[in-house]
N, C-alpha and C. Protein backbone atom coordinates (compact mmCIF):
# COMPACT_ATOMS: atom_id res chain seq x y z
N UNK A 1 113.07 89.92 100.91
CA UNK A 1 113.67 91.19 99.61
C UNK A 1 112.88 92.68 99.77
N UNK A 2 113.25 93.50 99.38
CA UNK A 2 112.88 95.01 99.30
C UNK A 2 112.62 95.59 98.58
N UNK A 3 112.06 96.28 97.89
CA UNK A 3 112.00 96.86 96.02
C UNK A 3 111.64 98.34 96.63
N UNK A 4 113.00 99.10 96.27
CA UNK A 4 113.32 100.61 96.46
C UNK A 4 113.66 100.82 94.92
N UNK A 5 112.15 102.10 95.05
CA UNK A 5 112.23 102.30 92.95
C UNK A 5 112.81 103.89 92.87
N UNK A 6 113.01 104.25 91.93
CA UNK A 6 114.10 105.44 91.52
C UNK A 6 113.52 106.58 90.65
N UNK A 7 113.74 106.97 91.16
CA UNK A 7 113.25 108.13 90.07
C UNK A 7 111.44 108.93 90.71
N UNK A 8 111.17 108.69 89.78
CA UNK A 8 110.13 109.37 90.20
C UNK A 8 108.82 107.78 90.35
N UNK A 9 109.84 106.26 90.27
CA UNK A 9 108.92 105.24 90.20
C UNK A 9 108.13 105.44 91.52
N UNK A 10 106.64 104.19 91.99
CA UNK A 10 106.04 104.29 92.48
C UNK A 10 106.03 102.57 92.93
N UNK A 11 106.51 102.26 93.74
CA UNK A 11 106.20 100.17 94.10
C UNK A 11 104.47 100.47 94.92
N UNK A 12 103.51 99.68 94.28
CA UNK A 12 101.99 99.32 94.91
C UNK A 12 102.01 97.63 94.74
N UNK A 13 101.00 97.61 95.37
CA UNK A 13 100.56 95.95 95.64
C UNK A 13 98.87 96.42 95.24
N UNK A 14 98.40 95.90 94.80
CA UNK A 14 96.01 95.70 94.69
C UNK A 14 95.96 95.29 95.97
N UNK A 15 94.52 96.16 95.47
CA UNK A 15 93.60 95.20 96.89
C UNK A 15 93.20 94.41 96.24
N UNK A 16 93.13 93.33 97.36
CA UNK A 16 92.20 92.52 96.88
C UNK A 16 90.42 93.03 96.86
N UNK A 17 89.61 92.41 95.11
CA UNK A 17 88.45 92.50 95.27
C UNK A 17 87.30 92.53 96.11
N UNK A 18 86.49 92.99 96.87
CA UNK A 18 85.38 92.52 97.14
C UNK A 18 84.82 91.05 97.03
N UNK A 19 84.82 90.31 98.10
CA UNK A 19 83.88 89.42 97.96
C UNK A 19 82.26 89.07 97.92
N UNK A 20 82.31 90.05 98.45
CA UNK A 20 80.53 90.17 98.39
C UNK A 20 79.67 91.41 98.43
N UNK A 21 78.74 92.00 98.21
CA UNK A 21 78.73 92.84 97.60
C UNK A 21 77.55 93.85 99.16
N UNK A 22 77.67 94.72 98.94
CA UNK A 22 76.91 95.83 100.57
C UNK A 22 75.30 95.22 100.47
N UNK A 23 74.90 94.41 99.84
CA UNK A 23 73.52 94.03 99.86
C UNK A 23 73.88 91.64 100.48
N UNK A 24 75.29 91.73 100.70
CA UNK A 24 75.26 90.68 100.61
C UNK A 24 75.76 89.89 100.11
N UNK A 25 75.49 89.51 99.04
CA UNK A 25 75.71 88.83 97.77
C UNK A 25 76.78 88.40 97.72
N UNK A 26 77.32 87.20 97.87
CA UNK A 26 78.99 86.20 97.67
C UNK A 26 78.87 86.56 95.99
N UNK A 27 79.81 86.75 95.33
CA UNK A 27 80.33 86.98 93.68
C UNK A 27 81.18 85.44 93.57
N UNK A 28 80.62 84.93 92.39
CA UNK A 28 81.53 84.52 91.68
C UNK A 28 82.49 84.77 91.65
N UNK A 29 83.49 83.42 90.97
CA UNK A 29 85.08 84.66 90.56
C UNK A 29 85.16 85.13 89.54
N UNK A 30 84.33 85.15 88.60
CA UNK A 30 84.35 86.03 87.07
C UNK A 30 83.18 86.85 87.26
N UNK A 31 82.86 87.54 87.76
CA UNK A 31 82.03 88.61 88.71
C UNK A 31 82.47 89.22 89.54
N UNK A 32 83.54 89.20 89.76
CA UNK A 32 84.35 90.20 90.33
C UNK A 32 85.08 90.70 89.25
N UNK A 33 84.92 92.42 89.50
CA UNK A 33 85.69 93.76 88.54
C UNK A 33 87.26 93.65 88.95
N UNK A 34 87.93 93.86 88.53
CA UNK A 34 89.40 93.75 88.51
C UNK A 34 88.98 95.20 89.39
N UNK A 35 90.37 94.86 90.34
CA UNK A 35 90.37 96.43 92.02
C UNK A 35 91.31 97.53 90.50
N UNK A 36 90.79 98.38 90.70
CA UNK A 36 92.07 99.50 90.29
C UNK A 36 92.49 100.56 91.55
N UNK A 37 92.12 99.73 93.20
CA UNK A 37 93.07 100.81 94.34
C UNK A 37 93.88 99.81 94.42
N UNK A 38 94.76 100.85 94.24
CA UNK A 38 96.02 99.83 94.91
C UNK A 38 96.77 100.32 96.17
N UNK A 39 97.66 100.08 97.51
CA UNK A 39 98.30 100.44 98.38
C UNK A 39 99.79 100.58 97.62
N UNK A 40 100.26 101.91 98.72
CA UNK A 40 101.44 102.31 98.21
C UNK A 40 102.48 101.52 99.40
N UNK A 41 103.16 100.53 98.47
CA UNK A 41 104.35 100.06 99.15
C UNK A 41 105.43 101.07 99.29
N UNK A 42 106.24 101.48 98.48
CA UNK A 42 107.58 102.49 98.00
C UNK A 42 107.05 103.16 97.03
N UNK A 43 107.86 104.66 97.70
CA UNK A 43 108.29 105.61 96.60
C UNK A 43 109.46 106.15 96.05
N UNK A 44 109.75 106.29 95.43
CA UNK A 44 112.04 106.27 95.00
C UNK A 44 111.46 108.07 95.85
N UNK A 45 112.85 108.55 95.22
CA UNK A 45 112.87 109.50 95.89
C UNK A 45 112.88 111.21 95.05
N UNK A 46 112.14 110.81 93.64
CA UNK A 46 111.78 112.15 92.93
C UNK A 46 113.50 112.75 92.16
N UNK A 47 113.15 113.44 91.99
CA UNK A 47 114.76 114.77 91.09
C UNK A 47 114.44 114.79 89.88
N UNK A 48 115.67 115.01 89.35
CA UNK A 48 115.15 114.75 87.73
C UNK A 48 115.17 114.01 86.86
N UNK A 49 113.76 113.64 86.25
CA UNK A 49 113.59 113.10 85.10
C UNK A 49 113.27 113.93 84.03
N UNK A 50 113.72 113.25 83.05
CA UNK A 50 113.78 114.22 81.39
C UNK A 50 113.84 115.94 81.51
N UNK A 51 114.88 115.89 82.42
CA UNK A 51 115.18 117.42 82.05
C UNK A 51 114.45 118.18 82.97
N UNK A 52 113.36 117.74 84.16
CA UNK A 52 112.19 118.34 84.88
C UNK A 52 112.89 118.10 86.20
N UNK A 53 112.32 118.58 86.98
CA UNK A 53 111.94 118.27 88.72
C UNK A 53 111.02 118.14 88.90
N UNK A 54 111.02 116.77 89.30
CA UNK A 54 109.57 115.87 89.57
C UNK A 54 109.68 115.85 91.27
N UNK A 55 108.79 116.34 92.08
CA UNK A 55 108.67 116.43 93.33
C UNK A 55 107.94 114.91 94.15
N UNK A 56 107.74 113.70 94.82
CA UNK A 56 107.35 113.35 94.83
C UNK A 56 106.07 113.63 96.33
N UNK A 57 105.07 113.45 95.66
CA UNK A 57 103.87 113.22 96.63
C UNK A 57 103.13 112.50 97.64
N UNK A 58 103.05 111.54 97.25
CA UNK A 58 102.72 110.35 97.74
C UNK A 58 103.85 109.99 98.74
N UNK A 59 103.19 109.16 99.72
CA UNK A 59 103.45 108.61 101.22
C UNK A 59 102.66 106.52 101.34
N UNK A 60 104.18 105.94 101.77
CA UNK A 60 104.03 104.93 102.25
C UNK A 60 102.40 104.27 102.34
N UNK A 61 101.49 103.57 102.20
CA UNK A 61 100.59 103.09 103.03
C UNK A 61 99.20 104.10 102.51
N UNK A 62 99.45 104.90 101.81
CA UNK A 62 98.10 105.52 100.94
C UNK A 62 97.71 104.23 99.98
N UNK A 63 96.59 104.42 100.02
CA UNK A 63 95.33 103.89 99.32
C UNK A 63 95.21 104.82 97.79
N UNK A 64 95.98 104.06 95.97
CA UNK A 64 95.05 105.36 94.91
C UNK A 64 94.62 104.71 93.93
N UNK A 65 94.29 105.68 92.81
CA UNK A 65 93.51 104.99 91.99
C UNK A 65 94.64 104.90 90.79
N UNK A 66 95.12 103.38 90.24
CA UNK A 66 95.57 104.13 89.20
C UNK A 66 94.82 103.90 88.07
N UNK A 67 95.88 104.07 86.34
CA UNK A 67 95.45 103.71 85.28
C UNK A 67 95.33 102.17 84.93
N UNK A 68 94.28 101.80 84.31
CA UNK A 68 94.12 100.85 84.36
C UNK A 68 95.14 99.68 83.71
N UNK A 69 96.13 99.80 82.51
CA UNK A 69 97.76 99.20 82.06
C UNK A 69 98.55 100.60 82.04
N UNK A 70 98.13 100.87 83.61
CA UNK A 70 100.05 101.34 83.66
C UNK A 70 101.02 100.90 84.25
N UNK A 71 102.05 100.77 84.26
CA UNK A 71 102.95 100.05 85.33
C UNK A 71 104.08 98.63 84.76
N UNK A 72 104.70 98.39 85.14
CA UNK A 72 105.08 96.71 84.75
C UNK A 72 104.72 95.83 86.45
N UNK A 73 104.51 94.34 86.22
CA UNK A 73 104.23 93.54 87.04
C UNK A 73 104.96 92.85 87.47
N UNK A 74 105.19 92.49 88.11
CA UNK A 74 106.81 91.94 89.27
C UNK A 74 106.61 90.63 90.35
N UNK A 75 106.60 89.95 90.58
CA UNK A 75 106.99 88.79 91.57
C UNK A 75 108.16 88.81 92.32
N UNK A 76 108.31 89.06 93.11
CA UNK A 76 109.17 89.27 94.42
C UNK A 76 108.01 87.87 95.57
N UNK A 77 109.19 86.76 96.11
CA UNK A 77 108.93 86.08 97.51
C UNK A 77 107.31 85.82 97.37
N UNK A 78 106.73 85.45 95.80
CA UNK A 78 105.20 85.35 96.49
C UNK A 78 104.45 85.98 95.87
N UNK A 79 104.52 87.81 96.14
CA UNK A 79 104.12 88.73 96.29
C UNK A 79 103.90 89.24 94.65
N UNK A 80 102.85 90.04 94.40
CA UNK A 80 102.69 90.62 93.07
C UNK A 80 102.32 92.08 93.48
N UNK A 81 103.58 92.76 92.48
CA UNK A 81 103.86 94.69 93.14
C UNK A 81 103.72 94.26 91.26
N UNK A 82 102.98 96.10 91.39
CA UNK A 82 103.02 96.43 90.31
C UNK A 82 103.77 97.93 90.58
N UNK A 83 105.37 98.49 89.64
CA UNK A 83 106.00 99.46 89.30
C UNK A 83 105.77 100.44 88.67
N UNK A 84 104.69 101.79 88.24
CA UNK A 84 104.94 103.12 88.10
C UNK A 84 105.26 104.28 88.09
N UNK A 85 105.00 104.77 87.24
CA UNK A 85 105.43 106.62 87.59
C UNK A 85 104.95 106.95 88.33
N UNK A 86 105.16 108.17 89.03
CA UNK A 86 103.73 108.64 89.98
C UNK A 86 102.45 109.29 89.27
N UNK A 87 103.16 109.87 88.33
CA UNK A 87 102.00 109.99 87.16
C UNK A 87 101.69 109.00 86.54
N UNK A 88 101.00 107.74 86.82
CA UNK A 88 100.36 107.19 86.72
C UNK A 88 99.11 106.51 87.53
N UNK A 89 99.24 107.59 88.40
CA UNK A 89 98.82 107.57 89.77
C UNK A 89 97.43 108.18 89.42
N UNK A 90 96.08 107.73 89.89
CA UNK A 90 94.93 109.53 88.89
C UNK A 90 94.78 110.14 90.40
N UNK A 91 94.79 109.01 91.46
CA UNK A 91 93.68 110.14 92.56
C UNK A 91 94.39 109.37 93.69
N UNK A 92 93.88 110.17 95.12
CA UNK A 92 94.57 109.30 96.79
C UNK A 92 92.67 109.43 96.94
N UNK A 93 92.84 107.62 97.44
CA UNK A 93 91.36 106.85 98.24
C UNK A 93 91.48 108.21 99.87
N UNK A 94 90.39 108.04 99.88
CA UNK A 94 90.24 108.82 101.29
C UNK A 94 89.31 107.93 102.34
């Protein structure tokens, strides 16, 4: 099953948190930070949203930073995704 977002919506999947620090220390489950970096899975077509023209500038496969409590969590075929507005994306990670 695929997810096709509407209007200015974006489907993202969270990137797994690091298991070890840069110095090689293995982190316990509760010591890991909740990741805010996600990969763009699918992008809506944009168009008129609330009477304003919205141009979509995100592309599939990009890594992005998102607002911590933004979007709606959905689970499809055992995978967890978040659907949110493009305006809830804070930055593109390069």
